[in-house]
Amino acid sequence: MSVATAVEHDLPDDVPLVEPIAAPPEGAPHKYLIAFAVVLAALMQVIDSSIVNVALPDMMGNLGASLDEIAWVSTGYILANVIIIPLTGWLGDFFGRKRYFVGSIIIFTVTSFMCGASTSLSELVFWRIVQGMGGGALMTVSQAVLFESFPRREAGMAMALFGLGVMVGPTIGPTLGGWLTDNYGWPWIFYVNLPVGVLAAAMIIAYVHDPEDQERPPTIDYIGIALLAMSVGSLQYLLEYGQRDDWFDSRLMTFLAVTSAVTGITLIWRELTTADPVIDFRVLKHRQMWVGTLLGVVMGVGLYASVFTLPVFLQSNLRMTAQQTGIVLLPGALATAVSMAVVGRLTNKFDARILIAIGALLFAGAMIRLSRVTGESGSTDFFWSLIMRGVGLGMMFVPLTTITLAELTHRELPQGTGLYNFFRQLGGSLGIAAIATLLSHYTAQFRAILAEHVSLGDPTTVSRLDMLTRGLIGGGADPWTARQRALEIMDRELMGQASVIAYSRIYVLSAALILALIPLLILIRHTKGAADAQHVME
């Protein structure tokens, strides 16, 4: 009886049929060195996505650019990156995965130097776009290499190592970027990648090898690539700038939305009907894959709602510096790292759905706690909320990634990791766009509500206004100027309070969205971890 037939007869109903990924029983000989190298590559990409934002004001002054113009330093990178991510599986087969991975790291590293050496905005934006093309492979190929280098029973640990870079990177980025910009100048936020990139490339050349069954695609699907670029590029631009241009009140945004929808539908039809697709949507036929991807999108929206709004709240509402913000966020990042290390081992012993559900509850609890912050909150008021959030993230990320990729064959893994990361990134972009719109809407709404109670007929308002006026007169201002400044101060206070309430509402919505993950877990097959399936196959 063949192994496949034996498995079909003997495998319990609650364990999915899984073709094992071709890794030695104990994994690759240098699996931990491989893990260190690929996590370095992924960490470099994740940090670079967030490190630039804190240096944009210095770039504006140095390059003589406006706010809209300098925004392309981030937008150009994101557009190139998000287009490349779903192509990484095909590009790895076409060029050879090791060659493509090392080449992408070299492109990313060299363009980091070119970005730092740029003397004009157009030069910087060009190199950022090329850097984004190189960076697209660093996340997805790293994940595929890790999953193949570790035996299936240690898949949770492999994803925990990968998650360290993915989750800790956004916390390190702004702090490191602020410190480098303040002490050495903005070019150093790019130069810092050089030693990391060289080390990662050297280690991957030494220890990573191509899969034995890797086959080069016989043809290039130029139509599929063009459709992908049009669809994803239009959608990403829409999500980046839609809120600024009032969404569908703008003809350009409407055109981009229609273009993205039409080319996206055409792309899916094309890739499902062509013999050699650049994106193999057929990997979504696996139940674990499509359910995990759906959960990844939901988690991406909810996750970005807090991860990207909290630093903005700390710096804009509480007037913290980038370095202070990083210090506040650091305990949560460390909690995520510890949580991932622990959960990486627990995935082989406990039902992944239970771990994800507990993580979702912890994350939601942290969001509810954060919704109670005020404009007078201090750094200590965030400590336990961020610890809870960090532990919750680790408990969701590791088992979700592991079960999503569990049913993929060796040949399907690169395409699967590319699609999974693409949709999670898309969920994050949707989350950021929705949050920006909701924050603006809620702030205006709550300001109008608060303003109804602030009038010259209200004794409390009159008392506050008189107190501010007298204080300003005491500081040397004439009565008329003091009165105007007092009104401006009260208006800022009103806007600040409305903003705090708006952020509070966003955190409550984020908690509700993460809790929506829990009912979806019933769609996942019951399994106590990848080790069970691996044991049967062996």
Protein backbone atom coordinates (compact mmCIF):
# COMPACT_ATOMS: atom_id res chain seq x y z
CA MET A 1 0.00 0.00 0.00
CA SER A 2 1.38 3.44 -0.90
CA VAL A 3 1.91 6.17 1.65
CA ALA A 4 -0.88 8.24 0.10
CA THR A 5 -3.32 5.28 0.28
CA ALA A 6 -2.33 4.51 3.85
CA VAL A 7 -2.92 8.08 4.86
CA GLU A 8 -6.30 8.16 3.12
CA HIS A 9 -7.45 5.09 5.12
CA ASP A 10 -5.78 5.79 8.47
CA LEU A 11 -5.84 9.57 8.88
CA PRO A 12 -8.53 10.76 11.33
CA ASP A 13 -11.32 12.93 9.94
CA ASP A 14 -10.22 15.98 11.88
CA VAL A 15 -6.69 16.06 10.42
CA PRO A 16 -6.29 17.44 6.88
CA LEU A 17 -4.57 15.52 4.14
CA VAL A 18 -1.19 17.18 3.81
CA GLU A 19 1.61 16.43 1.39
CA PRO A 20 4.72 17.07 3.47
CA ILE A 21 7.12 19.74 2.40
CA ALA A 22 10.38 18.16 1.31
CA ALA A 23 12.56 18.90 4.31
CA PRO A 24 14.81 16.42 6.14
CA PRO A 25 13.28 14.91 9.30
CA GLU A 26 15.27 17.33 11.46
CA GLY A 27 15.13 20.22 8.97
CA ALA A 28 17.95 21.82 7.02
CA PRO A 29 21.46 21.27 8.48
CA HIS A 30 21.88 24.96 9.28
CA LYS A 31 18.25 25.82 9.91
CA TYR A 32 18.90 28.34 12.69
CA LEU A 33 21.55 30.17 10.67
CA ILE A 34 19.08 30.21 7.77
CA ALA A 35 16.43 31.55 10.13
CA PHE A 36 18.76 34.32 11.30
CA ALA A 37 19.60 35.30 7.71
CA VAL A 38 16.04 35.41 6.38
CA VAL A 39 14.72 37.19 9.48
CA LEU A 40 17.44 39.81 8.95
CA ALA A 41 16.19 40.29 5.40
CA ALA A 42 12.55 40.52 6.46
CA LEU A 43 13.38 42.85 9.36
CA MET A 44 15.30 45.15 7.03
CA GLN A 45 12.26 45.45 4.76
CA VAL A 46 9.76 45.98 7.59
CA ILE A 47 11.88 48.61 9.35
CA ASP A 48 12.44 50.47 6.08
CA SER A 49 8.67 50.70 5.54
CA SER A 50 8.26 52.72 8.76
CA ILE A 51 11.64 54.35 9.33
CA VAL A 52 11.21 56.83 6.46
CA ASN A 53 8.10 58.55 7.80
CA VAL A 54 9.83 60.29 10.71
CA ALA A 55 12.46 61.76 8.36
CA LEU A 56 10.05 63.23 5.79
CA PRO A 57 10.10 66.77 7.30
CA ASP A 58 13.91 66.87 7.08
CA MET A 59 13.78 65.59 3.51
CA MET A 60 11.29 68.33 2.61
CA GLY A 61 13.66 71.02 3.84
CA ASN A 62 16.77 69.47 2.33
CA LEU A 63 15.27 68.71 -1.09
CA GLY A 64 12.94 71.71 -1.32
CA ALA A 65 9.82 69.57 -1.70
CA SER A 66 6.21 70.14 -0.69
CA LEU A 67 4.27 67.74 1.53
CA ASP A 68 2.45 66.20 -1.45
CA GLU A 69 5.70 65.78 -3.35
CA ILE A 70 7.67 64.22 -0.49
CA ALA A 71 4.82 61.76 0.13
CA TRP A 72 5.93 59.95 -3.05
CA VAL A 73 9.03 58.78 -1.19
CA SER A 74 6.70 56.48 0.74
CA THR A 75 4.00 56.00 -1.90
CA GLY A 76 6.41 54.99 -4.68
CA TYR A 77 7.98 52.35 -2.46
CA ILE A 78 4.62 50.94 -1.34
CA LEU A 79 3.22 50.78 -4.89
CA ALA A 80 6.25 48.88 -6.21
CA ASN A 81 6.34 46.62 -3.17
CA VAL A 82 2.69 45.60 -3.24
CA ILE A 83 2.80 44.81 -6.99
CA ILE A 84 5.85 42.56 -6.59
CA ILE A 85 4.63 40.58 -3.55
CA PRO A 86 2.11 38.34 -5.40
CA LEU A 87 4.68 37.77 -8.18
CA THR A 88 7.42 36.46 -5.91
CA GLY A 89 6.48 32.79 -6.31
CA TRP A 90 6.65 32.99 -10.09
CA LEU A 91 9.82 35.13 -10.08
CA GLY A 92 11.50 32.60 -7.78
CA ASP A 93 10.72 29.78 -10.22
CA PHE A 94 11.78 31.85 -13.24
CA PHE A 95 15.15 33.05 -11.94
CA GLY A 96 15.79 30.32 -9.37
CA ARG A 97 14.64 31.04 -5.85
CA LYS A 98 18.09 31.44 -4.27
CA ARG A 99 19.30 33.65 -7.12
CA TYR A 100 16.13 35.75 -6.95
CA PHE A 101 16.28 36.07 -3.17
CA VAL A 102 19.93 37.10 -3.10
CA GLY A 103 19.39 39.41 -6.09
CA SER A 104 16.48 41.11 -4.32
CA ILE A 105 18.58 41.69 -1.20
CA ILE A 106 21.38 43.14 -3.31
CA ILE A 107 18.94 45.42 -5.15
CA PHE A 108 17.46 46.55 -1.85
CA THR A 109 20.88 47.20 -0.34
CA VAL A 110 22.37 49.02 -3.34
CA THR A 111 19.29 51.19 -3.78
CA SER A 112 19.43 52.01 -0.06
CA PHE A 113 22.81 53.58 -0.71
CA MET A 114 21.49 55.38 -3.80
CA CYS A 115 18.53 56.73 -1.82
CA GLY A 116 20.84 58.16 0.83
CA ALA A 117 23.08 59.70 -1.84
CA SER A 118 20.17 61.30 -3.75
CA THR A 119 20.40 65.06 -4.25
CA SER A 120 16.95 65.70 -5.75
CA LEU A 121 13.40 64.57 -5.10
CA SER A 122 12.98 62.87 -8.48
CA GLU A 123 16.20 60.90 -7.94
CA LEU A 124 15.11 59.81 -4.46
CA VAL A 125 11.62 58.75 -5.62
CA PHE A 126 13.11 56.75 -8.52
CA TRP A 127 15.45 54.80 -6.26
CA ARG A 128 12.68 54.24 -3.71
CA ILE A 129 10.55 52.62 -6.43
CA VAL A 130 13.43 50.33 -7.40
CA GLN A 131 14.03 49.60 -3.71
CA GLY A 132 10.35 48.63 -3.34
CA MET A 133 10.73 46.16 -6.21
CA GLY A 134 13.65 44.54 -4.42
CA GLY A 135 11.90 44.60 -1.06
CA GLY A 136 8.84 42.71 -2.31
CA ALA A 137 10.67 39.38 -2.10
CA LEU A 138 12.19 39.85 1.33
CA MET A 139 9.02 39.06 3.27
CA THR A 140 7.45 36.31 1.16
CA VAL A 141 10.55 34.37 0.13
CA SER A 142 11.84 34.55 3.71
CA GLN A 143 8.64 32.91 4.89
CA ALA A 144 8.80 30.15 2.27
CA VAL A 145 12.47 29.41 2.98
CA LEU A 146 11.82 29.22 6.73
CA PHE A 147 8.83 26.91 6.31
CA GLU A 148 10.90 24.54 4.17
CA SER A 149 14.03 24.64 6.35
CA PHE A 150 12.27 23.43 9.51
CA PRO A 151 10.53 20.03 9.85
CA ARG A 152 6.75 20.21 9.85
CA ARG A 153 6.49 19.59 13.60
CA GLU A 154 8.56 22.77 14.16
CA ALA A 155 6.55 24.90 11.71
CA GLY A 156 5.16 26.97 14.58
CA MET A 157 8.65 27.84 15.77
CA ALA A 158 9.69 28.78 12.23
CA MET A 159 6.75 31.17 11.93
CA ALA A 160 7.51 32.56 15.40
CA LEU A 161 11.02 33.45 14.28
CA PHE A 162 9.62 35.08 11.16
CA GLY A 163 7.02 36.95 13.20
CA LEU A 164 9.71 38.55 15.35
CA GLY A 165 10.84 40.60 12.38
CA VAL A 166 7.35 41.34 11.12
CA MET A 167 5.91 42.52 14.43
CA VAL A 168 8.93 44.06 16.16
CA GLY A 169 10.14 45.95 13.07
CA PRO A 170 7.39 48.61 13.04
CA THR A 171 8.25 49.47 16.66
CA ILE A 172 11.99 49.78 16.04
CA GLY A 173 11.59 51.75 12.81
CA PRO A 174 10.29 55.13 14.02
CA THR A 175 12.61 55.19 17.06
CA LEU A 176 15.68 54.30 15.02
CA GLY A 177 14.67 56.69 12.27
CA GLY A 178 14.18 59.59 14.68
CA TRP A 179 17.52 58.95 16.38
CA LEU A 180 19.46 58.66 13.11
CA THR A 181 17.78 61.74 11.62
CA ASP A 182 18.39 63.89 14.72
CA ASN A 183 22.03 62.85 15.14
CA TYR A 184 23.35 62.06 11.66
CA GLY A 185 20.84 63.30 9.05
CA TRP A 186 18.14 61.60 6.99
CA PRO A 187 20.49 59.78 4.52
CA TRP A 188 21.53 57.49 7.37
CA ILE A 189 18.08 55.93 7.60
CA PHE A 190 19.05 54.31 4.28
CA TYR A 191 22.77 53.75 4.92
CA VAL A 192 21.93 51.68 8.01
CA ASN A 193 20.67 48.94 5.66
CA LEU A 194 24.09 48.39 4.07
CA PRO A 195 25.80 46.13 6.66
CA VAL A 196 22.55 44.27 7.35
CA GLY A 197 21.97 43.60 3.64
CA VAL A 198 25.54 42.44 3.04
CA LEU A 199 25.41 40.03 6.00
CA ALA A 200 22.00 38.63 5.01
CA ALA A 201 23.05 38.09 1.38
CA ALA A 202 26.33 36.38 2.39
CA MET A 203 24.58 33.99 4.78
CA ILE A 204 21.87 33.10 2.27
CA ILE A 205 24.49 32.41 -0.42
CA ALA A 206 26.25 30.10 2.05
CA TYR A 207 23.35 28.19 3.57
CA VAL A 208 20.17 28.40 1.44
CA HIS A 209 19.68 26.07 -1.54
CA ASP A 210 17.09 25.82 -4.30
CA PRO A 211 14.39 23.13 -4.01
CA GLU A 212 15.27 20.00 -5.95
CA ASP A 213 12.02 20.01 -7.93
CA GLN A 214 12.15 23.66 -8.93
CA GLU A 215 11.10 24.18 -12.55
CA ARG A 216 11.45 27.30 -14.68
CA PRO A 217 8.10 28.45 -16.20
CA PRO A 218 8.13 27.80 -19.97
CA THR A 219 6.47 31.12 -20.84
CA ILE A 220 6.05 34.62 -19.42
CA ASP A 221 2.48 35.79 -18.88
CA TYR A 222 2.98 39.42 -19.87
CA ILE A 223 -0.76 40.05 -19.90
CA GLY A 224 -1.12 38.79 -16.33
CA ILE A 225 1.75 40.97 -15.14
CA ALA A 226 0.23 44.04 -16.83
CA LEU A 227 -3.20 43.36 -15.35
CA LEU A 228 -1.68 42.90 -11.89
CA ALA A 229 0.23 46.18 -12.11
CA MET A 230 -2.87 48.09 -13.25
CA SER A 231 -5.21 46.53 -10.70
CA VAL A 232 -3.01 46.62 -7.61
CA GLY A 233 -1.37 49.94 -8.51
CA SER A 234 -4.73 51.65 -9.00
CA LEU A 235 -6.16 50.19 -5.80
CA GLN A 236 -3.12 51.10 -3.68
CA TYR A 237 -3.07 54.68 -4.99
CA LEU A 238 -6.80 54.93 -4.28
CA LEU A 239 -6.28 53.75 -0.72
CA GLU A 240 -3.32 56.08 -0.18
CA TYR A 241 -4.94 59.29 -1.46
CA GLY A 242 -8.68 58.61 -1.51
CA GLN A 243 -9.39 60.24 1.85
CA ARG A 244 -7.46 63.39 0.91
CA ASP A 245 -9.48 63.80 -2.31
CA ASP A 246 -12.89 62.95 -0.75
CA TRP A 247 -12.96 59.49 -2.30
CA PHE A 248 -15.57 59.20 -5.03
CA ASP A 249 -16.19 62.93 -5.20
CA SER A 250 -12.97 62.93 -7.20
CA ARG A 251 -13.12 61.81 -10.85
CA LEU A 252 -9.58 60.43 -10.58
CA MET A 253 -10.47 58.26 -7.58
CA THR A 254 -13.62 57.00 -9.29
CA PHE A 255 -11.59 56.15 -12.41
CA LEU A 256 -8.99 54.32 -10.31
CA ALA A 257 -11.69 52.34 -8.50
CA VAL A 258 -13.30 51.23 -11.77
CA THR A 259 -9.90 50.42 -13.30
CA SER A 260 -8.87 48.36 -10.27
CA ALA A 261 -12.15 46.40 -10.23
CA VAL A 262 -12.21 45.65 -13.98
CA THR A 263 -8.54 44.71 -14.27
CA GLY A 264 -8.71 42.72 -11.01
CA ILE A 265 -11.61 40.57 -12.22
CA THR A 266 -9.90 40.13 -15.59
CA LEU A 267 -6.66 39.15 -13.83
CA ILE A 268 -8.38 36.41 -11.81
CA TRP A 269 -10.08 35.03 -14.95
CA ARG A 270 -6.82 35.18 -16.90
CA GLU A 271 -4.74 33.43 -14.23
CA LEU A 272 -7.31 30.67 -13.74
CA THR A 273 -7.49 29.89 -17.45
CA THR A 274 -3.87 30.20 -18.59
CA ALA A 275 -1.51 27.22 -18.46
CA ASP A 276 1.40 29.09 -16.83
CA PRO A 277 0.00 31.86 -14.60
CA VAL A 278 2.21 34.39 -12.84
CA ILE A 279 -0.15 34.17 -9.85
CA ASP A 280 -1.52 30.72 -9.12
CA PHE A 281 -4.90 31.44 -7.53
CA ARG A 282 -5.50 27.68 -7.56
CA VAL A 283 -3.64 27.38 -4.24
CA LEU A 284 -6.77 28.91 -2.68
CA LYS A 285 -8.57 25.63 -3.40
CA HIS A 286 -7.11 24.39 -0.11
CA ARG A 287 -9.57 25.08 2.66
CA GLN A 288 -6.93 26.08 5.20
CA MET A 289 -5.37 28.44 2.68
CA TRP A 290 -8.46 30.42 1.73
CA VAL A 291 -9.82 30.52 5.28
CA GLY A 292 -6.45 31.58 6.68
CA THR A 293 -6.11 34.25 4.00
CA LEU A 294 -9.58 35.59 4.82
CA LEU A 295 -8.68 35.69 8.50
CA GLY A 296 -5.39 37.37 7.60
CA VAL A 297 -7.25 40.18 5.80
CA VAL A 298 -9.54 40.71 8.80
CA MET A 299 -6.59 40.63 11.19
CA GLY A 300 -4.67 43.04 8.95
CA VAL A 301 -7.46 45.62 9.05
CA GLY A 302 -7.87 45.36 12.83
CA LEU A 303 -4.15 45.19 13.52
CA TYR A 304 -3.24 48.27 11.49
CA ALA A 305 -6.06 50.15 13.22
CA SER A 306 -3.97 50.16 16.39
CA VAL A 307 -0.39 49.63 15.28
CA PHE A 308 -0.38 52.66 12.98
CA THR A 309 -2.73 54.99 14.86
CA LEU A 310 -1.21 54.70 18.31
CA PRO A 311 2.16 56.28 17.35
CA VAL A 312 0.26 59.12 15.67
CA PHE A 313 -1.85 59.61 18.80
CA LEU A 314 1.21 59.65 21.06
CA GLN A 315 3.03 62.21 18.91
CA SER A 316 0.15 64.45 17.84
CA ASN A 317 -2.10 64.43 20.93
CA LEU A 318 0.38 63.77 23.73
CA ARG A 319 3.27 65.64 22.05
CA MET A 320 5.78 62.81 22.44
CA THR A 321 8.90 62.66 20.28
CA ALA A 322 9.62 59.71 17.99
CA GLN A 323 12.14 58.39 20.52
CA GLN A 324 9.69 58.71 23.42
CA THR A 325 7.03 56.98 21.33
CA GLY A 326 9.39 54.11 20.64
CA ILE A 327 10.13 53.70 24.34
CA VAL A 328 6.39 53.56 25.13
CA LEU A 329 5.84 50.92 22.43
CA LEU A 330 8.91 48.82 23.28
CA PRO A 331 7.36 46.71 26.12
CA GLY A 332 4.55 45.63 23.78
CA ALA A 333 7.08 44.63 21.11
CA LEU A 334 9.04 42.59 23.64
CA ALA A 335 5.81 40.95 24.80
CA THR A 336 5.09 40.00 21.19
CA ALA A 337 8.55 38.45 20.84
CA VAL A 338 8.17 36.39 24.03
CA SER A 339 4.62 35.38 23.10
CA MET A 340 5.70 34.18 19.66
CA ALA A 341 8.55 32.13 21.10
CA VAL A 342 6.19 30.39 23.52
CA VAL A 343 3.31 29.94 21.08
CA GLY A 344 5.71 28.59 18.47
CA ARG A 345 6.13 25.53 20.71
CA LEU A 346 2.50 25.33 21.79
CA THR A 347 1.16 25.00 18.24
CA ASN A 348 2.13 21.31 18.24
CA LYS A 349 0.27 20.63 21.49
CA PHE A 350 -2.93 22.69 21.34
CA ASP A 351 -5.69 23.31 18.84
CA ALA A 352 -4.59 26.36 16.83
CA ARG A 353 -8.13 27.72 16.90
CA ILE A 354 -8.01 27.97 20.70
CA LEU A 355 -4.72 29.88 20.61
CA ILE A 356 -6.05 32.31 17.99
CA ALA A 357 -9.29 32.84 19.96
CA ILE A 358 -7.38 33.58 23.19
CA GLY A 359 -5.11 35.96 21.27
CA ALA A 360 -8.13 37.75 19.78
CA LEU A 361 -9.69 38.15 23.24
CA LEU A 362 -6.45 39.58 24.66
CA PHE A 363 -6.06 41.94 21.70
CA ALA A 364 -9.67 43.13 22.01
CA GLY A 365 -9.24 43.65 25.76
CA ALA A 366 -6.16 45.76 25.09
CA MET A 367 -8.08 47.89 22.59
CA ILE A 368 -10.88 48.49 25.10
CA ARG A 369 -8.28 49.61 27.66
CA LEU A 370 -6.68 51.94 25.09
CA SER A 371 -10.07 53.44 24.30
CA ARG A 372 -10.10 54.90 27.84
CA VAL A 373 -6.97 57.03 27.41
CA THR A 374 -7.29 60.81 27.65
CA GLY A 375 -5.36 63.85 26.52
CA GLU A 376 -3.67 63.86 29.94
CA SER A 377 -2.50 60.21 29.83
CA GLY A 378 1.14 59.47 30.50
CA SER A 379 3.47 56.76 29.23
CA THR A 380 2.70 54.44 32.17
CA ASP A 381 -1.01 54.44 31.25
CA PHE A 382 -0.19 52.43 28.11
CA PHE A 383 2.07 49.77 29.63
CA TRP A 384 -0.35 46.95 30.47
CA SER A 385 -2.55 47.61 27.44
CA LEU A 386 0.45 47.21 25.14
CA ILE A 387 1.63 44.10 27.00
CA MET A 388 -1.83 42.55 26.45
CA ARG A 389 -1.81 43.56 22.81
CA GLY A 390 1.68 42.17 22.29
CA VAL A 391 0.81 38.79 23.79
CA GLY A 392 -2.42 38.68 21.78
CA LEU A 393 -0.61 39.42 18.53
CA GLY A 394 1.85 36.59 19.11
CA MET A 395 -0.95 34.15 19.87
CA MET A 396 -2.78 35.07 16.65
CA PHE A 397 0.08 35.49 14.18
CA VAL A 398 2.03 32.26 14.68
CA PRO A 399 -0.80 29.65 14.59
CA LEU A 400 -2.72 31.52 11.87
CA THR A 401 0.29 31.59 9.54
CA THR A 402 1.12 27.96 10.32
CA ILE A 403 -2.36 26.56 9.62
CA THR A 404 -2.78 28.72 6.51
CA LEU A 405 0.27 27.17 4.84
CA ALA A 406 -0.15 23.69 6.33
CA GLU A 407 -1.90 22.04 3.37
CA LEU A 408 0.37 23.45 0.65
CA THR A 409 2.68 21.14 -1.24
CA HIS A 410 6.33 21.93 -1.79
CA ARG A 411 5.56 23.35 -5.25
CA GLU A 412 2.65 25.45 -4.00
CA LEU A 413 4.41 27.02 -1.02
CA PRO A 414 6.07 30.02 -2.78
CA GLN A 415 2.79 31.00 -4.46
CA GLY A 416 0.90 30.48 -1.20
CA THR A 417 3.21 32.68 0.87
CA GLY A 418 3.06 35.37 -1.80
CA LEU A 419 -0.73 35.43 -1.87
CA TYR A 420 -1.06 35.25 1.91
CA ASN A 421 1.29 38.19 2.45
CA PHE A 422 -0.30 40.14 -0.39
CA PHE A 423 -3.82 39.85 1.00
CA ARG A 424 -2.64 40.61 4.53
CA GLN A 425 -0.87 43.71 3.19
CA LEU A 426 -4.03 44.62 1.29
CA GLY A 427 -6.04 44.25 4.49
CA GLY A 428 -3.60 46.61 6.20
CA SER A 429 -3.94 49.17 3.41
CA LEU A 430 -7.72 48.94 3.60
CA GLY A 431 -7.50 49.37 7.37
CA ILE A 432 -5.29 52.46 7.16
CA ALA A 433 -7.52 54.06 4.51
CA ALA A 434 -10.68 53.35 6.51
CA ILE A 435 -9.11 54.60 9.73
CA ALA A 436 -7.93 57.86 8.18
CA THR A 437 -11.44 58.51 6.88
CA LEU A 438 -13.15 57.54 10.13
CA LEU A 439 -10.76 59.61 12.24
CA SER A 440 -11.46 62.68 10.16
CA HIS A 441 -15.21 62.03 10.28
CA TYR A 442 -15.35 61.29 14.00
CA THR A 443 -13.16 64.26 14.91
CA ALA A 444 -15.42 66.65 12.99
CA GLN A 445 -18.54 65.01 14.42
CA PHE A 446 -17.40 65.13 18.06
CA ARG A 447 -16.04 68.66 17.68
CA ALA A 448 -19.48 69.81 16.54
CA ILE A 449 -21.11 68.04 19.50
CA LEU A 450 -18.66 69.52 22.00
CA ALA A 451 -18.97 72.98 20.45
CA GLU A 452 -22.69 72.99 21.27
CA HIS A 453 -21.74 73.14 24.95
CA VAL A 454 -19.07 75.81 24.51
CA SER A 455 -20.64 79.26 24.08
CA LEU A 456 -20.33 82.72 25.54
CA GLY A 457 -23.58 82.07 27.37
CA ASP A 458 -22.09 79.16 29.30
CA PRO A 459 -20.62 80.23 32.70
CA THR A 460 -17.87 77.58 32.60
CA THR A 461 -16.80 78.70 29.11
CA VAL A 462 -16.76 82.37 30.13
CA SER A 463 -14.72 81.57 33.25
CA ARG A 464 -12.18 79.54 31.26
CA LEU A 465 -11.90 82.25 28.59
CA ASP A 466 -11.39 85.00 31.18
CA MET A 467 -8.74 82.97 32.99
CA LEU A 468 -6.77 82.40 29.76
CA THR A 469 -7.11 86.04 28.78
CA ARG A 470 -5.81 87.29 32.13
CA GLY A 471 -2.90 84.88 31.95
CA LEU A 472 -1.91 86.13 28.50
CA ILE A 473 -2.23 89.77 29.56
CA GLY A 474 -0.01 88.97 32.51
CA GLY A 475 2.49 87.61 30.01
CA GLY A 476 2.65 90.96 28.18
CA ALA A 477 -0.09 90.70 25.53
CA ASP A 478 -2.53 93.58 24.98
CA PRO A 479 -6.19 92.85 25.89
CA TRP A 480 -7.42 92.42 22.29
CA THR A 481 -4.54 90.07 21.31
CA ALA A 482 -4.90 88.17 24.57
CA ARG A 483 -8.60 87.61 23.89
CA GLN A 484 -7.93 86.28 20.38
CA ARG A 485 -5.19 83.98 21.58
CA ALA A 486 -7.42 82.69 24.37
CA LEU A 487 -10.11 81.83 21.82
CA GLU A 488 -7.52 80.03 19.68
CA ILE A 489 -6.32 78.05 22.71
CA MET A 490 -9.87 77.00 23.54
CA ASP A 491 -10.44 75.98 19.93
CA ARG A 492 -7.30 73.81 20.00
CA GLU A 493 -8.40 72.25 23.26
CA LEU A 494 -11.81 71.54 21.76
CA MET A 495 -10.24 69.93 18.70
CA GLY A 496 -7.83 67.96 20.88
CA GLN A 497 -10.64 66.56 22.99
CA ALA A 498 -12.66 65.66 19.88
CA SER A 499 -9.57 63.90 18.50
CA VAL A 500 -9.13 61.87 21.71
CA ILE A 501 -12.76 60.73 21.54
CA ALA A 502 -12.31 59.84 17.86
CA TYR A 503 -9.27 57.67 18.62
CA SER A 504 -11.24 56.02 21.42
CA ARG A 505 -13.99 55.11 18.96
CA ILE A 506 -11.41 53.69 16.54
CA TYR A 507 -9.97 51.42 19.22
CA VAL A 508 -13.43 50.10 20.10
CA LEU A 509 -14.07 49.35 16.41
CA SER A 510 -10.69 47.61 16.20
CA ALA A 511 -11.65 45.40 19.16
CA ALA A 512 -14.96 44.50 17.50
CA LEU A 513 -13.22 43.63 14.23
CA ILE A 514 -10.67 41.37 15.90
CA LEU A 515 -13.45 39.63 17.84
CA ALA A 516 -15.10 38.92 14.48
CA LEU A 517 -12.21 36.51 13.85
CA ILE A 518 -13.49 34.10 16.46
CA PRO A 519 -16.71 32.92 14.70
CA LEU A 520 -14.71 32.46 11.48
CA LEU A 521 -12.46 29.94 13.22
CA ILE A 522 -15.17 27.26 12.85
CA LEU A 523 -14.22 27.17 9.15
CA ILE A 524 -10.76 25.84 10.06
CA ARG A 525 -10.30 22.09 10.35
CA HIS A 526 -9.64 20.84 13.86
CA THR A 527 -6.00 19.93 14.35
CA LYS A 528 -3.64 19.96 17.32
CA GLY A 529 -0.81 21.24 15.19
CA ALA A 530 1.24 20.43 12.17
CA ALA A 531 3.11 17.71 13.99
CA ASP A 532 0.09 15.40 13.92
CA ALA A 533 -0.13 15.45 10.16
CA GLN A 534 3.62 15.11 9.82
CA HIS A 535 3.64 12.13 12.15
CA VAL A 536 1.06 10.33 10.05
CA MET A 537 2.97 11.03 6.86
CA GLU A 538 6.17 9.65 8.33
